[in-house]
Amino acid sequence: MSDRIADDEAPVSNAGEVDAAALQAENDSLRDRMLRALADAENTRRRAERAQREARQYAIADFARELLPVLDNLGRTVAAAERGAPASVEDAALIEGVRAVERLLRHTFEQSGIRRIEALGAPFDPSLHEAMMEEDDGGQPPGTITRVLEDGYTIHDRLLRPARRRR
């Protein structure tokens, strides 16, 4: 009988080793899948946080783009008023009021991360500037911006409107 038990145990022992190896392989496979799923979930969370942060940061871009012509017109109004002497005290007060509104709008833009692109005298950069015409100015190196037709703006690190310039 002891021979019979020994014979019966050998296959069970061998089968147990095979089962243990299969279970270990399955466990390793499941662990790998779980780690990949966790990494995928973490990447999705990070992407969602980044998208939310960018949406919050750039949410006003369309609204600001619509307000830029208002700021341009306020600047043109002030420039036109400065070309001549005010006819009356009321005219001077009106011009000062327009200047105050322009300053307030510029300050509000600054607070929202909207910055004017300084390009007069700078080399032309097609990622920030839009050339409307080209003129030869012997005193400036080629490609230098000599006159600004319309200011450009960025919001944080993105272009809101290119500067339109004569170069």
N, C-alpha and C. Protein backbone atom coordinates (compact mmCIF):
# COMPACT_ATOMS: atom_id res chain seq x y z
N MET A 1 0.79 -1.16 0.00
CA MET A 1 0.00 0.00 0.00
C MET A 1 0.85 1.26 0.00
N SER A 2 1.93 1.22 0.67
CA SER A 2 2.80 2.38 0.71
C SER A 2 3.35 2.68 -0.68
N ASP A 3 3.53 1.62 -1.49
CA ASP A 3 3.96 1.87 -2.87
C ASP A 3 2.88 2.59 -3.65
N ARG A 4 1.67 2.18 -3.39
CA ARG A 4 0.55 2.77 -4.10
C ARG A 4 0.39 4.25 -3.73
N ILE A 5 0.54 4.62 -2.47
CA ILE A 5 0.42 6.01 -2.04
C ILE A 5 1.54 6.84 -2.65
N ALA A 6 2.72 6.28 -2.66
CA ALA A 6 3.85 7.00 -3.24
C ALA A 6 3.61 7.24 -4.72
N ASP A 7 3.02 6.28 -5.40
CA ASP A 7 2.75 6.46 -6.83
C ASP A 7 1.67 7.51 -7.05
N ASP A 8 0.67 7.51 -6.18
CA ASP A 8 -0.42 8.48 -6.32
C ASP A 8 0.05 9.90 -6.01
N GLU A 9 0.98 10.06 -5.07
CA GLU A 9 1.43 11.39 -4.68
C GLU A 9 2.30 12.05 -5.74
N ALA A 10 3.04 11.28 -6.47
CA ALA A 10 3.95 11.85 -7.47
C ALA A 10 3.18 12.66 -8.51
N PRO A 11 2.13 12.11 -9.12
CA PRO A 11 1.41 12.91 -10.10
C PRO A 11 0.73 14.13 -9.46
N VAL A 12 0.24 13.98 -8.26
CA VAL A 12 -0.42 15.11 -7.60
C VAL A 12 0.61 16.20 -7.35
N SER A 13 1.77 15.83 -6.89
CA SER A 13 2.82 16.80 -6.64
C SER A 13 3.21 17.50 -7.93
N ASN A 14 3.37 16.77 -9.00
CA ASN A 14 3.72 17.33 -10.30
C ASN A 14 2.59 18.21 -10.81
N ALA A 15 1.37 17.79 -10.65
CA ALA A 15 0.22 18.58 -11.08
C ALA A 15 0.10 19.83 -10.23
N GLY A 16 0.42 19.73 -8.96
CA GLY A 16 0.39 20.89 -8.08
C GLY A 16 1.41 21.93 -8.49
N GLU A 17 2.57 21.47 -8.92
CA GLU A 17 3.60 22.40 -9.40
C GLU A 17 3.14 23.09 -10.68
N VAL A 18 2.49 22.35 -11.55
CA VAL A 18 1.99 22.92 -12.80
C VAL A 18 0.90 23.93 -12.49
N ASP A 19 -0.01 23.56 -11.57
CA ASP A 19 -1.08 24.48 -11.18
C ASP A 19 -0.50 25.74 -10.53
N ALA A 20 0.49 25.59 -9.68
CA ALA A 20 1.10 26.74 -9.02
C ALA A 20 1.77 27.65 -10.04
N ALA A 21 2.45 27.08 -11.02
CA ALA A 21 3.10 27.88 -12.06
C ALA A 21 2.06 28.60 -12.90
N ALA A 22 0.96 27.93 -13.22
CA ALA A 22 -0.11 28.56 -14.00
C ALA A 22 -0.75 29.68 -13.20
N LEU A 23 -1.00 29.42 -11.91
CA LEU A 23 -1.58 30.45 -11.05
C LEU A 23 -0.64 31.65 -10.91
N GLN A 24 0.65 31.38 -10.79
CA GLN A 24 1.62 32.47 -10.68
C GLN A 24 1.66 33.29 -11.97
N ALA A 25 1.60 32.63 -13.12
CA ALA A 25 1.59 33.33 -14.41
C ALA A 25 0.33 34.18 -14.54
N GLU A 26 -0.80 33.60 -14.14
CA GLU A 26 -2.06 34.33 -14.21
C GLU A 26 -2.02 35.53 -13.25
N ASN A 27 -1.46 35.30 -12.05
CA ASN A 27 -1.33 36.38 -11.06
C ASN A 27 -0.45 37.50 -11.62
N ASP A 28 0.67 37.14 -12.24
CA ASP A 28 1.57 38.14 -12.84
C ASP A 28 0.86 38.91 -13.96
N SER A 29 0.09 38.18 -14.76
CA SER A 29 -0.65 38.82 -15.85
C SER A 29 -1.69 39.80 -15.30
N LEU A 30 -2.43 39.38 -14.29
CA LEU A 30 -3.44 40.24 -13.69
C LEU A 30 -2.80 41.46 -13.02
N ARG A 31 -1.66 41.24 -12.36
CA ARG A 31 -0.95 42.34 -11.72
C ARG A 31 -0.49 43.35 -12.78
N ASP A 32 0.02 42.85 -13.89
CA ASP A 32 0.47 43.72 -14.97
C ASP A 32 -0.71 44.53 -15.53
N ARG A 33 -1.84 43.86 -15.76
CA ARG A 33 -3.03 44.55 -16.27
C ARG A 33 -3.53 45.60 -15.27
N MET A 34 -3.49 45.26 -13.98
CA MET A 34 -3.93 46.19 -12.96
C MET A 34 -3.01 47.43 -12.92
N LEU A 35 -1.70 47.21 -12.98
CA LEU A 35 -0.76 48.33 -12.96
C LEU A 35 -0.93 49.22 -14.19
N ARG A 36 -1.17 48.61 -15.33
CA ARG A 36 -1.42 49.38 -16.56
C ARG A 36 -2.71 50.19 -16.44
N ALA A 37 -3.75 49.57 -15.89
CA ALA A 37 -5.02 50.28 -15.71
C ALA A 37 -4.86 51.45 -14.74
N LEU A 38 -4.10 51.23 -13.65
CA LEU A 38 -3.86 52.32 -12.71
C LEU A 38 -3.06 53.45 -13.36
N ALA A 39 -2.06 53.10 -14.14
CA ALA A 39 -1.26 54.12 -14.84
C ALA A 39 -2.13 54.87 -15.85
N ASP A 40 -2.99 54.15 -16.55
CA ASP A 40 -3.89 54.79 -17.51
C ASP A 40 -4.86 55.73 -16.80
N ALA A 41 -5.38 55.30 -15.66
CA ALA A 41 -6.29 56.16 -14.89
C ALA A 41 -5.56 57.41 -14.39
N GLU A 42 -4.33 57.26 -13.95
CA GLU A 42 -3.54 58.40 -13.49
C GLU A 42 -3.26 59.37 -14.64
N ASN A 43 -2.92 58.84 -15.81
CA ASN A 43 -2.69 59.70 -16.98
C ASN A 43 -3.96 60.43 -17.38
N THR A 44 -5.09 59.75 -17.32
CA THR A 44 -6.37 60.38 -17.64
C THR A 44 -6.68 61.50 -16.64
N ARG A 45 -6.42 61.26 -15.37
CA ARG A 45 -6.64 62.27 -14.35
C ARG A 45 -5.77 63.50 -14.60
N ARG A 46 -4.49 63.28 -14.94
CA ARG A 46 -3.58 64.40 -15.21
C ARG A 46 -4.02 65.19 -16.44
N ARG A 47 -4.44 64.46 -17.50
CA ARG A 47 -4.91 65.15 -18.71
C ARG A 47 -6.15 65.98 -18.40
N ALA A 48 -7.07 65.43 -17.61
CA ALA A 48 -8.28 66.16 -17.25
C ALA A 48 -7.95 67.40 -16.42
N GLU A 49 -7.02 67.28 -15.49
CA GLU A 49 -6.61 68.44 -14.69
C GLU A 49 -5.97 69.51 -15.56
N ARG A 50 -5.12 69.08 -16.51
CA ARG A 50 -4.47 70.04 -17.41
C ARG A 50 -5.51 70.73 -18.30
N ALA A 51 -6.46 69.95 -18.81
CA ALA A 51 -7.51 70.54 -19.66
C ALA A 51 -8.36 71.51 -18.86
N GLN A 52 -8.66 71.17 -17.62
CA GLN A 52 -9.44 72.06 -16.76
C GLN A 52 -8.66 73.34 -16.46
N ARG A 53 -7.38 73.21 -16.17
CA ARG A 53 -6.54 74.38 -15.87
C ARG A 53 -6.46 75.28 -17.11
N GLU A 54 -6.26 74.70 -18.29
CA GLU A 54 -6.17 75.50 -19.51
C GLU A 54 -7.51 76.14 -19.84
N ALA A 55 -8.59 75.42 -19.63
CA ALA A 55 -9.91 75.99 -19.89
C ALA A 55 -10.15 77.19 -18.99
N ARG A 56 -9.77 77.08 -17.74
CA ARG A 56 -9.93 78.19 -16.80
C ARG A 56 -9.02 79.36 -17.21
N GLN A 57 -7.80 79.04 -17.63
CA GLN A 57 -6.82 80.07 -17.96
C GLN A 57 -7.17 80.81 -19.25
N TYR A 58 -7.71 80.10 -20.24
CA TYR A 58 -7.97 80.70 -21.54
C TYR A 58 -9.45 80.90 -21.83
N ALA A 59 -10.30 80.79 -20.82
CA ALA A 59 -11.75 80.90 -21.03
C ALA A 59 -12.15 82.26 -21.57
N ILE A 60 -11.43 83.30 -21.22
CA ILE A 60 -11.81 84.64 -21.63
C ILE A 60 -11.21 85.04 -22.99
N ALA A 61 -10.51 84.14 -23.64
CA ALA A 61 -9.81 84.49 -24.88
C ALA A 61 -10.77 85.03 -25.94
N ASP A 62 -11.90 84.37 -26.16
CA ASP A 62 -12.84 84.83 -27.19
C ASP A 62 -13.42 86.19 -26.82
N PHE A 63 -13.77 86.35 -25.55
CA PHE A 63 -14.32 87.63 -25.09
C PHE A 63 -13.28 88.74 -25.24
N ALA A 64 -12.04 88.45 -24.86
CA ALA A 64 -10.97 89.45 -24.97
C ALA A 64 -10.72 89.81 -26.43
N ARG A 65 -10.77 88.82 -27.31
CA ARG A 65 -10.57 89.06 -28.74
C ARG A 65 -11.63 90.04 -29.26
N GLU A 66 -12.85 89.93 -28.73
CA GLU A 66 -13.92 90.84 -29.13
C GLU A 66 -13.71 92.25 -28.57
N LEU A 67 -13.04 92.36 -27.43
CA LEU A 67 -12.80 93.67 -26.81
C LEU A 67 -11.58 94.40 -27.38
N LEU A 68 -10.70 93.70 -28.06
CA LEU A 68 -9.50 94.35 -28.59
C LEU A 68 -9.81 95.51 -29.53
N PRO A 69 -10.80 95.40 -30.44
CA PRO A 69 -11.12 96.57 -31.27
C PRO A 69 -11.60 97.77 -30.45
N VAL A 70 -12.27 97.51 -29.32
CA VAL A 70 -12.70 98.61 -28.45
C VAL A 70 -11.46 99.33 -27.90
N LEU A 71 -10.48 98.56 -27.44
CA LEU A 71 -9.25 99.15 -26.93
C LEU A 71 -8.53 99.92 -28.04
N ASP A 72 -8.50 99.35 -29.25
CA ASP A 72 -7.88 100.03 -30.38
C ASP A 72 -8.57 101.37 -30.65
N ASN A 73 -9.88 101.37 -30.64
CA ASN A 73 -10.63 102.60 -30.92
C ASN A 73 -10.44 103.65 -29.83
N LEU A 74 -10.34 103.21 -28.59
CA LEU A 74 -10.06 104.17 -27.52
C LEU A 74 -8.69 104.81 -27.74
N GLY A 75 -7.70 104.00 -28.13
CA GLY A 75 -6.37 104.53 -28.41
C GLY A 75 -6.37 105.50 -29.58
N ARG A 76 -7.13 105.18 -30.63
CA ARG A 76 -7.23 106.09 -31.78
C ARG A 76 -7.90 107.40 -31.38
N THR A 77 -8.90 107.31 -30.53
CA THR A 77 -9.59 108.51 -30.07
C THR A 77 -8.64 109.42 -29.31
N VAL A 78 -7.87 108.85 -28.40
CA VAL A 78 -6.91 109.63 -27.63
C VAL A 78 -5.86 110.23 -28.56
N ALA A 79 -5.36 109.44 -29.51
CA ALA A 79 -4.34 109.95 -30.43
C ALA A 79 -4.88 111.08 -31.28
N ALA A 80 -6.12 110.96 -31.74
CA ALA A 80 -6.71 112.04 -32.54
C ALA A 80 -6.93 113.28 -31.71
N ALA A 81 -7.32 113.12 -30.47
CA ALA A 81 -7.55 114.27 -29.59
C ALA A 81 -6.25 114.96 -29.25
N GLU A 82 -5.16 114.22 -29.15
CA GLU A 82 -3.88 114.82 -28.80
C GLU A 82 -3.28 115.62 -29.96
N ARG A 83 -3.75 115.38 -31.17
CA ARG A 83 -3.23 116.13 -32.33
C ARG A 83 -3.67 117.59 -32.31
N GLY A 84 -4.78 117.89 -31.69
CA GLY A 84 -5.27 119.27 -31.63
C GLY A 84 -5.51 119.69 -30.19
N ALA A 85 -5.56 120.97 -29.99
CA ALA A 85 -5.84 121.50 -28.65
C ALA A 85 -7.34 121.38 -28.39
N PRO A 86 -7.71 121.00 -27.17
CA PRO A 86 -9.14 120.90 -26.86
C PRO A 86 -9.81 122.28 -26.99
N ALA A 87 -11.00 122.29 -27.57
CA ALA A 87 -11.71 123.54 -27.81
C ALA A 87 -12.28 124.12 -26.52
N SER A 88 -12.58 123.25 -25.57
CA SER A 88 -13.18 123.75 -24.34
C SER A 88 -12.77 122.87 -23.16
N VAL A 89 -13.15 123.30 -21.99
CA VAL A 89 -12.87 122.54 -20.78
C VAL A 89 -13.62 121.21 -20.83
N GLU A 90 -14.82 121.23 -21.38
CA GLU A 90 -15.62 120.01 -21.49
C GLU A 90 -14.93 118.99 -22.41
N ASP A 91 -14.36 119.51 -23.51
CA ASP A 91 -13.64 118.61 -24.43
C ASP A 91 -12.44 117.98 -23.73
N ALA A 92 -11.71 118.77 -22.96
CA ALA A 92 -10.56 118.25 -22.23
C ALA A 92 -10.99 117.21 -21.21
N ALA A 93 -12.11 117.45 -20.54
CA ALA A 93 -12.63 116.47 -19.58
C ALA A 93 -13.05 115.18 -20.28
N LEU A 94 -13.66 115.32 -21.44
CA LEU A 94 -14.08 114.15 -22.20
C LEU A 94 -12.87 113.33 -22.63
N ILE A 95 -11.85 113.99 -23.11
CA ILE A 95 -10.62 113.30 -23.54
C ILE A 95 -9.98 112.59 -22.35
N GLU A 96 -9.94 113.25 -21.21
CA GLU A 96 -9.37 112.63 -20.01
C GLU A 96 -10.21 111.43 -19.58
N GLY A 97 -11.51 111.50 -19.75
CA GLY A 97 -12.38 110.36 -19.45
C GLY A 97 -12.10 109.18 -20.35
N VAL A 98 -11.87 109.44 -21.63
CA VAL A 98 -11.52 108.37 -22.58
C VAL A 98 -10.18 107.75 -22.20
N ARG A 99 -9.22 108.58 -21.83
CA ARG A 99 -7.92 108.07 -21.37
C ARG A 99 -8.09 107.16 -20.15
N ALA A 100 -8.94 107.58 -19.21
CA ALA A 100 -9.17 106.79 -18.00
C ALA A 100 -9.79 105.44 -18.34
N VAL A 101 -10.74 105.42 -19.25
CA VAL A 101 -11.37 104.15 -19.66
C VAL A 101 -10.33 103.26 -20.34
N GLU A 102 -9.50 103.86 -21.19
CA GLU A 102 -8.45 103.08 -21.86
C GLU A 102 -7.48 102.48 -20.85
N ARG A 103 -7.05 103.28 -19.87
CA ARG A 103 -6.15 102.77 -18.82
C ARG A 103 -6.80 101.63 -18.03
N LEU A 104 -8.05 101.80 -17.70
CA LEU A 104 -8.77 100.79 -16.93
C LEU A 104 -8.89 99.48 -17.72
N LEU A 105 -9.19 99.59 -19.00
CA LEU A 105 -9.30 98.38 -19.83
C LEU A 105 -7.94 97.71 -19.98
N ARG A 106 -6.89 98.48 -20.17
CA ARG A 106 -5.53 97.90 -20.25
C ARG A 106 -5.16 97.21 -18.94
N HIS A 107 -5.48 97.84 -17.82
CA HIS A 107 -5.19 97.24 -16.50
C HIS A 107 -5.97 95.94 -16.32
N THR A 108 -7.22 95.94 -16.72
CA THR A 108 -8.04 94.72 -16.61
C THR A 108 -7.45 93.62 -17.48
N PHE A 109 -7.01 93.96 -18.67
CA PHE A 109 -6.36 92.97 -19.54
C PHE A 109 -5.11 92.41 -18.87
N GLU A 110 -4.29 93.30 -18.31
CA GLU A 110 -3.06 92.86 -17.63
C GLU A 110 -3.39 91.89 -16.49
N GLN A 111 -4.41 92.20 -15.71
CA GLN A 111 -4.81 91.34 -14.60
C GLN A 111 -5.26 89.97 -15.09
N SER A 112 -5.77 89.89 -16.31
CA SER A 112 -6.25 88.63 -16.87
C SER A 112 -5.18 87.90 -17.67
N GLY A 113 -3.96 88.42 -17.67
CA GLY A 113 -2.87 87.75 -18.37
C GLY A 113 -2.76 88.14 -19.83
N ILE A 114 -3.43 89.20 -20.23
CA ILE A 114 -3.39 89.65 -21.63
C ILE A 114 -2.35 90.75 -21.73
N ARG A 115 -1.36 90.54 -22.58
CA ARG A 115 -0.24 91.47 -22.72
C ARG A 115 -0.12 91.95 -24.17
N ARG A 116 0.25 93.21 -24.31
CA ARG A 116 0.49 93.78 -25.64
C ARG A 116 1.86 93.32 -26.12
N ILE A 117 1.95 93.02 -27.40
CA ILE A 117 3.22 92.60 -28.00
C ILE A 117 3.99 93.87 -28.38
N GLU A 118 5.18 94.01 -27.82
CA GLU A 118 6.05 95.15 -28.15
C GLU A 118 6.89 94.75 -29.36
N ALA A 119 6.65 95.40 -30.49
CA ALA A 119 7.36 94.96 -31.68
C ALA A 119 8.01 96.08 -32.46
N LEU A 120 7.70 97.31 -32.17
CA LEU A 120 8.28 98.42 -32.91
C LEU A 120 9.80 98.39 -32.74
N GLY A 121 10.50 98.30 -33.86
CA GLY A 121 11.96 98.23 -33.84
C GLY A 121 12.50 96.82 -33.65
N ALA A 122 11.61 95.86 -33.45
CA ALA A 122 12.03 94.46 -33.26
C ALA A 122 12.09 93.75 -34.61
N PRO A 123 12.84 92.66 -34.68
CA PRO A 123 12.85 91.90 -35.93
C PRO A 123 11.50 91.21 -36.14
N PHE A 124 11.11 91.08 -37.39
CA PHE A 124 9.83 90.45 -37.74
C PHE A 124 9.83 88.98 -37.32
N ASP A 125 8.79 88.58 -36.61
CA ASP A 125 8.61 87.19 -36.16
C ASP A 125 7.24 86.73 -36.66
N PRO A 126 7.21 85.83 -37.64
CA PRO A 126 5.91 85.43 -38.21
C PRO A 126 4.98 84.74 -37.22
N SER A 127 5.49 84.28 -36.09
CA SER A 127 4.61 83.67 -35.11
C SER A 127 3.90 84.72 -34.25
N LEU A 128 4.37 85.97 -34.27
CA LEU A 128 3.76 87.04 -33.48
C LEU A 128 3.26 88.20 -34.32
N HIS A 129 3.78 88.34 -35.53
CA HIS A 129 3.49 89.51 -36.35
C HIS A 129 2.86 89.10 -37.67
N GLU A 130 2.08 90.01 -38.19
CA GLU A 130 1.51 89.82 -39.52
C GLU A 130 1.92 91.03 -40.34
N ALA A 131 2.68 90.80 -41.41
CA ALA A 131 3.17 91.91 -42.23
C ALA A 131 2.06 92.35 -43.18
N MET A 132 1.74 93.63 -43.13
CA MET A 132 0.71 94.17 -44.01
C MET A 132 1.35 94.78 -45.26
N MET A 133 2.54 95.32 -45.11
CA MET A 133 3.28 95.87 -46.24
C MET A 133 4.74 95.94 -45.85
N GLU A 134 5.57 96.13 -46.84
CA GLU A 134 7.00 96.22 -46.58
C GLU A 134 7.50 97.53 -47.15
N GLU A 135 8.34 98.20 -46.37
CA GLU A 135 8.92 99.45 -46.85
C GLU A 135 10.42 99.43 -46.58
N ASP A 136 11.14 100.13 -47.42
CA ASP A 136 12.59 100.17 -47.29
C ASP A 136 12.96 101.37 -46.42
N ASP A 137 13.57 101.08 -45.29
CA ASP A 137 14.03 102.13 -44.39
C ASP A 137 15.54 101.94 -44.24
N GLY A 138 16.30 102.82 -44.83
CA GLY A 138 17.75 102.69 -44.84
C GLY A 138 18.37 102.69 -43.45
N GLY A 139 17.69 103.26 -42.47
CA GLY A 139 18.25 103.34 -41.12
C GLY A 139 18.03 102.07 -40.30
N GLN A 140 17.25 101.14 -40.79
CA GLN A 140 16.93 99.92 -40.05
C GLN A 140 17.43 98.69 -40.82
N PRO A 141 17.84 97.66 -40.12
CA PRO A 141 18.22 96.42 -40.81
C PRO A 141 16.99 95.78 -41.48
N PRO A 142 17.19 95.01 -42.52
CA PRO A 142 16.06 94.36 -43.19
C PRO A 142 15.27 93.48 -42.22
N GLY A 143 13.95 93.50 -42.36
CA GLY A 143 13.09 92.67 -41.51
C GLY A 143 12.74 93.32 -40.19
N THR A 144 13.16 94.57 -39.98
CA THR A 144 12.85 95.27 -38.74
C THR A 144 11.48 95.94 -38.88
N ILE A 145 10.70 95.89 -37.84
CA ILE A 145 9.37 96.50 -37.86
C ILE A 145 9.53 97.98 -37.62
N THR A 146 9.03 98.77 -38.58
CA THR A 146 9.22 100.22 -38.51
C THR A 146 7.95 100.98 -38.13
N ARG A 147 6.80 100.35 -38.31
CA ARG A 147 5.54 101.01 -37.96
C ARG A 147 4.49 99.96 -37.62
N VAL A 148 3.76 100.22 -36.55
CA VAL A 148 2.72 99.30 -36.11
C VAL A 148 1.38 99.83 -36.60
N LEU A 149 0.65 98.98 -37.31
CA LEU A 149 -0.68 99.36 -37.77
C LEU A 149 -1.75 98.98 -36.75
N GLU A 150 -1.55 97.84 -36.08
CA GLU A 150 -2.49 97.37 -35.07
C GLU A 150 -1.73 96.53 -34.06
N ASP A 151 -1.86 96.86 -32.78
CA ASP A 151 -1.14 96.11 -31.74
C ASP A 151 -1.60 94.67 -31.68
N GLY A 152 -0.66 93.80 -31.35
CA GLY A 152 -0.97 92.39 -31.14
C GLY A 152 -0.98 92.10 -29.65
N TYR A 153 -1.62 90.99 -29.27
CA TYR A 153 -1.74 90.64 -27.86
C TYR A 153 -1.58 89.14 -27.67
N THR A 154 -1.07 88.79 -26.50
CA THR A 154 -1.00 87.39 -26.09
C THR A 154 -1.82 87.24 -24.82
N ILE A 155 -2.32 86.03 -24.61
CA ILE A 155 -2.98 85.71 -23.35
C ILE A 155 -2.16 84.58 -22.74
N HIS A 156 -1.52 84.88 -21.62
CA HIS A 156 -0.54 84.01 -20.97
C HIS A 156 0.54 83.68 -21.99
N ASP A 157 0.61 82.49 -22.50
CA ASP A 157 1.68 82.15 -23.45
C ASP A 157 1.15 81.91 -24.87
N ARG A 158 -0.11 82.21 -25.12
CA ARG A 158 -0.70 81.98 -26.44
C ARG A 158 -1.00 83.30 -27.14
N LEU A 159 -0.91 83.25 -28.46
CA LEU A 159 -1.20 84.42 -29.27
C LEU A 159 -2.71 84.66 -29.30
N LEU A 160 -3.12 85.85 -28.95
CA LEU A 160 -4.53 86.22 -28.99
C LEU A 160 -4.84 86.89 -30.33
N ARG A 161 -3.97 87.81 -30.73
CA ARG A 161 -4.10 88.48 -32.02
C ARG A 161 -2.71 88.89 -32.47
N PRO A 162 -2.34 88.58 -33.71
CA PRO A 162 -1.00 88.99 -34.16
C PRO A 162 -0.94 90.50 -34.34
N ALA A 163 0.24 91.04 -34.14
CA ALA A 163 0.45 92.47 -34.38
C ALA A 163 0.52 92.67 -35.89
N ARG A 164 -0.21 93.63 -36.38
CA ARG A 164 -0.18 93.92 -37.81
C ARG A 164 0.73 95.12 -38.00
N ARG A 165 1.76 94.90 -38.78
CA ARG A 165 2.83 95.89 -38.84
C ARG A 165 3.31 96.12 -40.27
N ARG A 166 3.91 97.23 -40.40
CA ARG A 166 4.65 97.51 -41.63
C ARG A 166 6.08 97.19 -41.33
N ARG A 167 6.71 96.45 -42.20
CA ARG A 167 8.11 96.11 -41.97
C ARG A 167 8.94 96.51 -43.16
